[in-house]
C-alpha atoms as a PDB file:
ATOM      1  CA  UNK A   1      84.202 103.710  66.416  1.00  0.00           C
ATOM      2  CA  UNK A   2      81.458 105.744  69.411  1.00  0.00           C
ATOM      3  CA  UNK A   3      79.482 102.438  69.324  1.00  0.00           C
ATOM      4  CA  UNK A   4      82.703 100.027  69.841  1.00  0.00           C
ATOM      5  CA  UNK A   5      83.217 101.983  72.721  1.00  0.00           C
ATOM      6  CA  UNK A   6      80.051 102.215  74.457  1.00  0.00           C
ATOM      7  CA  UNK A   7      79.638  98.307  73.751  1.00  0.00           C
ATOM      8  CA  UNK A   8      83.117  97.645  74.819  1.00  0.00           C
ATOM      9  CA  UNK A   9      81.576  99.549  78.092  1.00  0.00           C
ATOM     10  CA  UNK A  10      78.642  97.673  78.892  1.00  0.00           C
ATOM     11  CA  UNK A  11      80.477  94.223  78.548  1.00  0.00           C
ATOM     12  CA  UNK A  12      82.738  95.536  81.184  1.00  0.00           C
ATOM     13  CA  UNK A  13      79.610  96.742  83.410  1.00  0.00           C
ATOM     14  CA  UNK A  14      78.431  93.163  83.083  1.00  0.00           C
ATOM     15  CA  UNK A  15      81.332  91.393  83.641  1.00  0.00           C
ATOM     16  CA  UNK A  16      81.786  93.385  86.911  1.00  0.00           C
ATOM     17  CA  UNK A  17      78.472  92.752  88.156  1.00  0.00           C
ATOM     18  CA  UNK A  18      78.752  88.917  87.924  1.00  0.00           C
ATOM     19  CA  UNK A  19      81.625  89.273  90.458  1.00  0.00           C
ATOM     20  CA  UNK A  20      81.054  88.254  93.927  1.00  0.00           C
ATOM     21  CA  UNK A  21      82.309  91.369  95.501  1.00  0.00           C
ATOM     22  CA  UNK A  22      82.313  94.772  93.820  1.00  0.00           C
ATOM     23  CA  UNK A  23      86.233  96.487  94.230  1.00  0.00           C
ATOM     24  CA  UNK A  24      85.818  99.959  95.428  1.00  0.00           C
ATOM     25  CA  UNK A  25      89.082 101.310  96.177  1.00  0.00           C
ATOM     26  CA  UNK A  26      92.815 100.362  97.198  1.00  0.00           C
ATOM     27  CA  UNK A  27      93.839 102.109 100.267  1.00  0.00           C
ATOM     28  CA  UNK A  28      97.683 101.539 101.239  1.00  0.00           C
ATOM     29  CA  UNK A  29      97.593  98.679  99.468  1.00  0.00           C
ATOM     30  CA  UNK A  30      94.675  97.207 100.517  1.00  0.00           C
ATOM     31  CA  UNK A  31      91.665  96.937  98.175  1.00  0.00           C
ATOM     32  CA  UNK A  32      88.500  97.159  99.688  1.00  0.00           C
ATOM     33  CA  UNK A  33      85.402  95.596  98.562  1.00  0.00           C
ATOM     34  CA  UNK A  34      81.664  96.416  99.831  1.00  0.00           C
ATOM     35  CA  UNK A  35      81.294  94.067 102.474  1.00  0.00           C
ATOM     36  CA  UNK A  36      84.888  94.994 103.952  1.00  0.00           C
ATOM     37  CA  UNK A  37      83.668  98.739 103.524  1.00  0.00           C
ATOM     38  CA  UNK A  38      80.065  98.537 105.000  1.00  0.00           C
ATOM     39  CA  UNK A  39      81.362  95.955 108.119  1.00  0.00           C
ATOM     40  CA  UNK A  40      81.495  98.289 110.933  1.00  0.00           C
ATOM     41  CA  UNK A  41      78.311  99.989 110.018  1.00  0.00           C
ATOM     42  CA  UNK A  42      76.358  96.802 109.314  1.00  0.00           C
ATOM     43  CA  UNK A  43      75.281  96.157 113.317  1.00  0.00           C
ATOM     44  CA  UNK A  44      73.858  99.879 113.820  1.00  0.00           C
ATOM     45  CA  UNK A  45      72.110  99.516 110.428  1.00  0.00           C
ATOM     46  CA  UNK A  46      70.432  95.810 111.245  1.00  0.00           C
ATOM     47  CA  UNK A  47      69.275  97.295 114.798  1.00  0.00           C
ATOM     48  CA  UNK A  48      67.192 100.081 113.451  1.00  0.00           C
ATOM     49  CA  UNK A  49      63.635 100.216 113.250  1.00  0.00           C
ATOM     50  CA  UNK A  50      62.152  98.870 109.893  1.00  0.00           C
ATOM     51  CA  UNK A  51      60.398 101.869 107.128  1.00  0.00           C
ATOM     52  CA  UNK A  52      57.059 102.525 108.068  1.00  0.00           C
ATOM     53  CA  UNK A  53      56.671 100.740 112.047  1.00  0.00           C
ATOM     54  CA  UNK A  54      57.878 104.039 113.775  1.00  0.00           C
ATOM     55  CA  UNK A  55      55.986 106.638 115.319  1.00  0.00           C
ATOM     56  CA  UNK A  56      55.096 109.715 113.438  1.00  0.00           C
ATOM     57  CA  UNK A  57      53.248 111.769 116.208  1.00  0.00           C
ATOM     58  CA  UNK A  58      52.488 111.983 119.880  1.00  0.00           C
ATOM     59  CA  UNK A  59      50.220 109.658 121.141  1.00  0.00           C
ATOM     60  CA  UNK A  60      47.664 109.881 123.824  1.00  0.00           C
ATOM     61  CA  UNK A  61      48.569 108.113 126.997  1.00  0.00           C
ATOM     62  CA  UNK A  62      46.133 107.499 129.654  1.00  0.00           C
ATOM     63  CA  UNK A  63      46.577 107.107 133.468  1.00  0.00           C
ATOM     64  CA  UNK A  64      44.678 104.817 135.405  1.00  0.00           C
ATOM     65  CA  UNK A  65      44.412 103.402 139.026  1.00  0.00           C
ATOM     66  CA  UNK A  66      44.844 105.699 142.218  1.00  0.00           C
ATOM     67  CA  UNK A  67      45.783 108.197 139.616  1.00  0.00           C
ATOM     68  CA  UNK A  68      43.914 109.021 136.807  1.00  0.00           C
ATOM     69  CA  UNK A  69      44.578 111.184 133.672  1.00  0.00           C
ATOM     70  CA  UNK A  70      45.668 111.231 130.110  1.00  0.00           C
ATOM     71  CA  UNK A  71      47.368 113.378 127.203  1.00  0.00           C
ATOM     72  CA  UNK A  72      49.711 113.312 124.604  1.00  0.00           C
ATOM     73  CA  UNK A  73      52.636 115.708 125.547  1.00  0.00           C
ATOM     74  CA  UNK A  74      51.818 116.037 129.101  1.00  0.00           C
ATOM     75  CA  UNK A  75      49.063 114.581 131.623  1.00  0.00           C
ATOM     76  CA  UNK A  76      47.226 116.131 134.664  1.00  0.00           C
ATOM     77  CA  UNK A  77      47.177 113.375 136.899  1.00  0.00           C
ATOM     78  CA  UNK A  78      44.305 113.195 139.497  1.00  0.00           C
ATOM     79  CA  UNK A  79      44.284 111.499 143.009  1.00  0.00           C
ATOM     80  CA  UNK A  80      41.425 108.833 143.444  1.00  0.00           C
ATOM     81  CA  UNK A  81      39.084 110.213 146.597  1.00  0.00           C
ATOM     82  CA  UNK A  82      39.772 107.015 149.343  1.00  0.00           C
ATOM     83  CA  UNK A  83      38.283 109.227 152.217  1.00  0.00           C
ATOM     84  CA  UNK A  84      35.390 111.521 152.296  1.00  0.00           C
ATOM     85  CA  UNK A  85      35.550 112.772 155.157  1.00  0.00           C
ATOM     86  CA  UNK A  86      37.471 115.580 155.099  1.00  0.00           C
ATOM     87  CA  UNK A  87      38.664 118.786 157.603  1.00  0.00           C
ATOM     88  CA  UNK A  88      40.581 119.261 160.693  1.00  0.00           C
ATOM     89  CA  UNK A  89      41.056 116.592 163.487  1.00  0.00           C
ATOM     90  CA  UNK A  90      42.154 116.285 166.923  1.00  0.00           C
ATOM     91  CA  UNK A  91      41.684 119.245 169.816  1.00  0.00           C
ATOM     92  CA  UNK A  92      42.813 119.648 173.679  1.00  0.00           C
ATOM     93  CA  UNK A  93      40.208 117.074 174.490  1.00  0.00           C
ATOM     94  CA  UNK A  94      40.166 114.508 171.289  1.00  0.00           C
ATOM     95  CA  UNK A  95      42.748 112.778 169.127  1.00  0.00           C
ATOM     96  CA  UNK A  96      42.883 112.252 165.309  1.00  0.00           C
ATOM     97  CA  UNK A  97      41.988 108.236 164.910  1.00  0.00           C
ATOM     98  CA  UNK A  98      43.340 107.412 161.311  1.00  0.00           C
ATOM     99  CA  UNK A  99      43.194 104.350 159.248  1.00  0.00           C
ATOM    100  CA  UNK A 100      45.981 103.908 156.439  1.00  0.00           C
ATOM    101  CA  UNK A 101      46.355 101.418 153.294  1.00  0.00           C
ATOM    102  CA  UNK A 102      49.758  99.729 152.100  1.00  0.00           C
ATOM    103  CA  UNK A 103      50.088 102.440 149.653  1.00  0.00           C
ATOM    104  CA  UNK A 104      50.318 105.359 152.657  1.00  0.00           C
ATOM    105  CA  UNK A 105      46.565 106.488 151.632  1.00  0.00           C
ATOM    106  CA  UNK A 106      44.811 107.685 154.312  1.00  0.00           C
ATOM    107  CA  UNK A 107      40.861 105.743 154.320  1.00  0.00           C
ATOM    108  CA  UNK A 108      39.404 107.103 157.006  1.00  0.00           C
ATOM    109  CA  UNK A 109      39.924 109.791 159.700  1.00  0.00           C
ATOM    110  CA  UNK A 110      38.254 110.809 162.369  1.00  0.00           C
ATOM    111  CA  UNK A 111      38.475 112.545 166.134  1.00  0.00           C
ATOM    112  CA  UNK A 112      37.759 110.831 169.363  1.00  0.00           C
ATOM    113  CA  UNK A 113      37.933 112.446 172.941  1.00  0.00           C
ATOM    114  CA  UNK A 114      39.932 111.773 175.395  1.00  0.00           C
ATOM    115  CA  UNK A 115      38.545 109.595 178.285  1.00  0.00           C
ATOM    116  CA  UNK A 116      40.989 107.731 180.438  1.00  0.00           C
ATOM    117  CA  UNK A 117      40.599 106.221 183.885  1.00  0.00           C
ATOM    118  CA  UNK A 118      43.416 106.629 186.894  1.00  0.00           C
ATOM    119  CA  UNK A 119      44.800 103.501 186.098  1.00  0.00           C
ATOM    120  CA  UNK A 120      45.612 103.664 182.573  1.00  0.00           C
ATOM    121  CA  UNK A 121      47.814 106.830 183.587  1.00  0.00           C
ATOM    122  CA  UNK A 122      51.368 105.122 184.570  1.00  0.00           C
ATOM    123  CA  UNK A 123      51.795 105.809 187.615  1.00  0.00           C
ATOM    124  CA  UNK A 124      49.164 108.101 188.896  1.00  0.00           C
ATOM    125  CA  UNK A 125      47.484 105.738 191.684  1.00  0.00           C
ATOM    126  CA  UNK A 126      50.595 105.493 193.545  1.00  0.00           C
ATOM    127  CA  UNK A 127      51.870 108.792 192.870  1.00  0.00           C
ATOM    128  CA  UNK A 128      48.229 110.181 194.622  1.00  0.00           C
ATOM    129  CA  UNK A 129      48.718 107.953 197.546  1.00  0.00           C
ATOM    130  CA  UNK A 130      51.736 109.368 198.362  1.00  0.00           C
ATOM    131  CA  UNK A 131      50.190 112.385 198.444  1.00  0.00           C
ATOM    132  CA  UNK A 132      48.105 114.367 201.512  1.00  0.00           C
ATOM    133  CA  UNK A 133      45.607 111.769 203.097  1.00  0.00           C
ATOM    134  CA  UNK A 134      42.922 111.934 205.719  1.00  0.00           C
ATOM    135  CA  UNK A 135      43.552 114.500 208.231  1.00  0.00           C
ATOM    136  CA  UNK A 136      43.656 113.592 212.171  1.00  0.00           C
ATOM    137  CA  UNK A 137      42.209 116.378 214.353  1.00  0.00           C
ATOM    138  CA  UNK A 138      43.324 117.003 217.446  1.00  0.00           C
ATOM    139  CA  UNK A 139      42.470 119.895 220.081  1.00  0.00           C
ATOM    140  CA  UNK A 140      45.691 121.745 221.464  1.00  0.00           C
ATOM    141  CA  UNK A 141      45.757 124.349 224.359  1.00  0.00           C
ATOM    142  CA  UNK A 142      45.103 128.022 222.740  1.00  0.00           C
ATOM    143  CA  UNK A 143      46.376 129.829 219.503  1.00  0.00           C
ATOM    144  CA  UNK A 144      45.692 129.758 216.094  1.00  0.00           C
ATOM    145  CA  UNK A 145      45.109 126.444 214.455  1.00  0.00           C
ATOM    146  CA  UNK A 146      48.176 124.740 212.371  1.00  0.00           C
ATOM    147  CA  UNK A 147      48.455 121.551 210.320  1.00  0.00           C
ATOM    148  CA  UNK A 148      51.369 119.504 210.445  1.00  0.00           C
ATOM    149  CA  UNK A 149      51.793 116.319 208.139  1.00  0.00           C
ATOM    150  CA  UNK A 150      48.289 115.119 208.180  1.00  0.00           C
ATOM    151  CA  UNK A 151      47.412 116.585 211.989  1.00  0.00           C
ATOM    152  CA  UNK A 152      45.384 119.441 212.167  1.00  0.00           C
ATOM    153  CA  UNK A 153      45.582 121.189 215.817  1.00  0.00           C
ATOM    154  CA  UNK A 154      42.858 123.368 216.970  1.00  0.00           C
ATOM    155  CA  UNK A 155      43.142 125.357 219.855  1.00  0.00           C
ATOM    156  CA  UNK A 156      40.548 124.664 222.860  1.00  0.00           C
ATOM    157  CA  UNK A 157      38.454 126.824 223.466  1.00  0.00           C
ATOM    158  CA  UNK A 158      38.283 128.857 226.562  1.00  0.00           C
ATOM    159  CA  UNK A 159      35.287 127.850 229.015  1.00  0.00           C
ATOM    160  CA  UNK A 160      32.202 125.669 228.050  1.00  0.00           C
ATOM    161  CA  UNK A 161      30.114 127.160 225.131  1.00  0.00           C
ATOM    162  CA  UNK A 162      26.485 126.668 225.028  1.00  0.00           C
ATOM    163  CA  UNK A 163      23.848 127.868 222.473  1.00  0.00           C
ATOM    164  CA  UNK A 164      20.500 129.046 222.695  1.00  0.00           C
ATOM    165  CA  UNK A 165      18.487 128.789 219.522  1.00  0.00           C
ATOM    166  CA  UNK A 166      14.861 130.507 219.145  1.00  0.00           C
ATOM    167  CA  UNK A 167      14.819 132.589 222.394  1.00  0.00           C
ATOM    168  CA  UNK A 168      11.540 134.259 221.757  1.00  0.00           C
ATOM    169  CA  UNK A 169      10.455 137.767 223.678  1.00  0.00           C
ATOM    170  CA  UNK A 170       6.765 138.984 223.158  1.00  0.00           C
ATOM    171  CA  UNK A 171       5.498 141.837 225.066  1.00  0.00           C
ATOM    172  CA  UNK A 172       4.743 145.890 225.034  1.00  0.00           C
ATOM    173  CA  UNK A 173       6.646 147.737 222.462  1.00  0.00           C
ATOM    174  CA  UNK A 174       9.974 148.909 223.690  1.00  0.00           C
ATOM    175  CA  UNK A 175      13.191 149.421 221.945  1.00  0.00           C
ATOM    176  CA  UNK A 176      15.539 147.221 224.034  1.00  0.00           C
ATOM    177  CA  UNK A 177      14.820 143.662 225.622  1.00  0.00           C
ATOM    178  CA  UNK A 178      17.454 141.565 227.966  1.00  0.00           C
ATOM    179  CA  UNK A 179      18.419 138.092 226.960  1.00  0.00           C
ATOM    180  CA  UNK A 180      18.388 135.141 229.508  1.00  0.00           C
ATOM    181  CA  UNK A 181      22.327 134.908 229.206  1.00  0.00           C
ATOM    182  CA  UNK A 182      25.003 137.113 227.691  1.00  0.00           C
ATOM    183  CA  UNK A 183      26.206 136.315 224.261  1.00  0.00           C
ATOM    184  CA  UNK A 184      29.764 135.447 223.380  1.00  0.00           C
ATOM    185  CA  UNK A 185      30.627 138.356 220.787  1.00  0.00           C
ATOM    186  CA  UNK A 186      29.499 138.190 217.180  1.00  0.00           C
ATOM    187  CA  UNK A 187      27.401 134.964 217.753  1.00  0.00           C
ATOM    188  CA  UNK A 188      23.903 136.509 217.918  1.00  0.00           C
ATOM    189  CA  UNK A 189      21.115 136.332 215.339  1.00  0.00           C
ATOM    190  CA  UNK A 190      18.143 138.403 215.739  1.00  0.00           C
ATOM    191  CA  UNK A 191      14.867 137.533 213.897  1.00  0.00           C
ATOM    192  CA  UNK A 192      12.043 139.888 214.112  1.00  0.00           C
ATOM    193  CA  UNK A 193       8.629 137.872 212.954  1.00  0.00           C
ATOM    194  CA  UNK A 194      10.917 135.141 211.148  1.00  0.00           C
ATOM    195  CA  UNK A 195      12.889 137.833 209.427  1.00  0.00           C
ATOM    196  CA  UNK A 196      16.660 137.815 210.149  1.00  0.00           C
ATOM    197  CA  UNK A 197      17.947 141.448 211.219  1.00  0.00           C
ATOM    198  CA  UNK A 198      20.770 142.779 209.742  1.00  0.00           C
ATOM    199  CA  UNK A 199      23.744 144.478 212.359  1.00  0.00           C
ATOM    200  CA  UNK A 200      22.384 147.522 211.706  1.00  0.00           C
ATOM    201  CA  UNK A 201      19.035 147.078 212.973  1.00  0.00           C
ATOM    202  CA  UNK A 202      20.500 146.358 216.514  1.00  0.00           C
ATOM    203  CA  UNK A 203      23.142 146.497 218.931  1.00  0.00           C
ATOM    204  CA  UNK A 204      24.293 144.597 221.904  1.00  0.00           C
ATOM    205  CA  UNK A 205      25.705 145.751 225.210  1.00  0.00           C
ATOM    206  CA  UNK A 206      26.054 142.496 228.065  1.00  0.00           C
ATOM    207  CA  UNK A 207      22.816 140.704 227.522  1.00  0.00           C
ATOM    208  CA  UNK A 208      20.785 143.955 226.196  1.00  0.00           C
ATOM    209  CA  UNK A 209      19.750 143.843 223.088  1.00  0.00           C
ATOM    210  CA  UNK A 210      19.001 147.595 221.796  1.00  0.00           C
ATOM    211  CA  UNK A 211      17.068 147.949 218.103  1.00  0.00           C
ATOM    212  CA  UNK A 212      16.900 151.127 216.316  1.00  0.00           C
ATOM    213  CA  UNK A 213      13.773 150.989 215.596  1.00  0.00           C
ATOM    214  CA  UNK A 214      11.472 150.115 218.595  1.00  0.00           C
ATOM    215  CA  UNK A 215       9.335 146.817 218.252  1.00  0.00           C
ATOM    216  CA  UNK A 216       5.389 147.066 218.372  1.00  0.00           C
ATOM    217  CA  UNK A 217       3.198 145.150 220.416  1.00  0.00           C
ATOM    218  CA  UNK A 218       2.485 142.095 218.746  1.00  0.00           C
ATOM    219  CA  UNK A 219       6.170 141.740 217.417  1.00  0.00           C
ATOM    220  CA  UNK A 220       7.998 138.453 217.986  1.00  0.00           C
ATOM    221  CA  UNK A 221      11.803 138.134 218.421  1.00  0.00           C
ATOM    222  CA  UNK A 222      13.704 135.069 218.303  1.00  0.00           C
ATOM    223  CA  UNK A 223      17.205 135.005 218.984  1.00  0.00           C
ATOM    224  CA  UNK A 224      20.146 132.319 218.405  1.00  0.00           C
ATOM    225  CA  UNK A 225      23.628 132.922 220.257  1.00  0.00           C
ATOM    226  CA  UNK A 226      26.571 131.059 221.819  1.00  0.00           C
ATOM    227  CA  UNK A 227      27.297 132.147 225.306  1.00  0.00           C
END
């Protein structure tokens, strides 16, 4: 009996395997076969990577060009050197001159002095032309000198002014001597043997010069003054 049941079951399986579609179950009166059951999943499964064709570990990635580096999980990138002249450029008297490429990298940099002419400064020449020009000199009356616009007014000196140069005196030793003319105040210069004396070494009263130290025989005194 058991052998008979096994034979019947085996025959039933063989019959099912020859059918075009394997019946699975009935839901709400609708019988689902394998094609109908698998339809929603076929597109997703068909687009997957075949077994054995996917990556099993992190791969080494290498970066080249203006930036280099390599790694599996992280990459330390290094920018290529495009300009060896590094440092600070530009001062109060110079400016930085730079050259850049299409990638925004500075390929050259240097400092150049600021040298410009008047004509290179906008309106400088015309602005200076409107400032103080050549002064003209006039002599007017007395009092203080004045500057009005481009005219310098100088007061007329009282009387005539003469200059006496190198009036020499020689002779016996003496503490004073008399000039040929009366000098205008603060114009007398006294020289002893070619060396100018300071004001503390002589005094002037009218035309008389008095020395603080008497001159010796043979000393030559020369005098410059206005009178």
